[in-house]
Amino acid sequence: MTEKLTLRRPDDWHLHLRDGAMLRAVLPETARHFARAIVMPNLVPPVVTGADAATYLERILAALPEGMAFTPLMTLYLTEQTDPADVRAAAQSGLVTAVKLYPAGATTNSASGVRDFDRVRGVLEVMAEIGLPLCVHGEVTTPEVDIFDREAVFIETVLDPLRRATPSLRVVMEHITTKDGADYVRAGGDDIAGTITTHHLIINRNHILVGGIRPHYYCLPVAKREEHRLALRAAATSGDAHFFLGTDSAPHTDALKEHACGCAGVFSATNTMSCLAEVFDQDGALGALEAFTSLNGPAFYGLPANDETITLVKGDPVAYPKKIETGDGPVTLFDPGFALHWRVEA
């Protein structure tokens, strides 16, 4: 039985750090285990230009506790007014690593997102030319489409036509939640990848709804049926280079989660590596954990894997705090619903 596992230090390819007091509280939770992270740009106001990204990067680095090593990988929020020249300059300077597409109204702070894809065609063509990845929130927002079908409809009506129109564009379909998403990414060739969250490997829609509404499991894209969760587990644990970790760790205070119209998001930065080791161990796939957390993401983004390592040790259940305190209020940590026996060795 494996009791100790050493991996190259992992990266998180989809992370929300927020700003201000929340940023200062949650950043150490990621930096403790992760070397790099793709940082989401959906602040208020959003990170739209290279200048916005530069000032946000400064705020992140200023919030990083002394002695912690962490590299934020910055992104731009795609709008219908995004300047292709600004995107090119920000990418070629090394300031930004990707551009994020939010269909307008799809998730938290997405009101500035794209409605008319023809209006961003010039940006996408520049990105394809210079090899800058487009990170996609893959859901349609049309009200007649059921919320549980929005990912599959997005693939058919938006993503596939977009990729056909710009065939060399590199795309990351973020936080896939369905078998449809996993199958599409797997069959899509070298220019597409998919991130999978910690929580979507563990919960299905019953966790949100059975026995009462459980707001701390509510996220977007919403968790789906059990068959989809199992398809995600199979993809993540396969070692397939198309799939890698993007936690989508998204902190909201308890007051905003436990609310008549609660915010979508699961905060998992603190215990993700323990959760993942437990999942991969359950599936007899510990040998594939390093590919999912530490190798496949850098390979897709054209970055080197980290030289540093972390070691996970299996033993008695690990005790994590139920909440972390922030200057904005308490944030509840993701509860996987089972004991976690793997801890990151100090």
Foldseek 3Di string as FASTA:
>chain_A
DDFKDKFFQFEAAAEEQAADQSNLFCVVLQLVGHAEYAYAQLYVVGQAFLVSLVVVQVRNVVSDDPPGHHYYAYEHEDALPRDLVRVLVCVVVSSHQAYEADAAPQAPNRPRHDDDVVSCVSNQLSCLVVVRAYEYAQFDDPPVDDLQCGNVVSVVPPVVVVCVVRVSHAYEDEQDAFLSVLVCLLPPPLRYAYEHALLSLQDAQCVQPPPHGDLLQFAPSHHHDPVGSVSVLCSLLVLPLRYAHHHQQDWDAPDQRVDPDHHHHHHASNCSVLSVCVSCVVVVRNVSNNSRGFNSVCVSSVHDTHPHMWMKGFDPFDDDDQWTATPVHITGHDDSPDTRRIDTDD
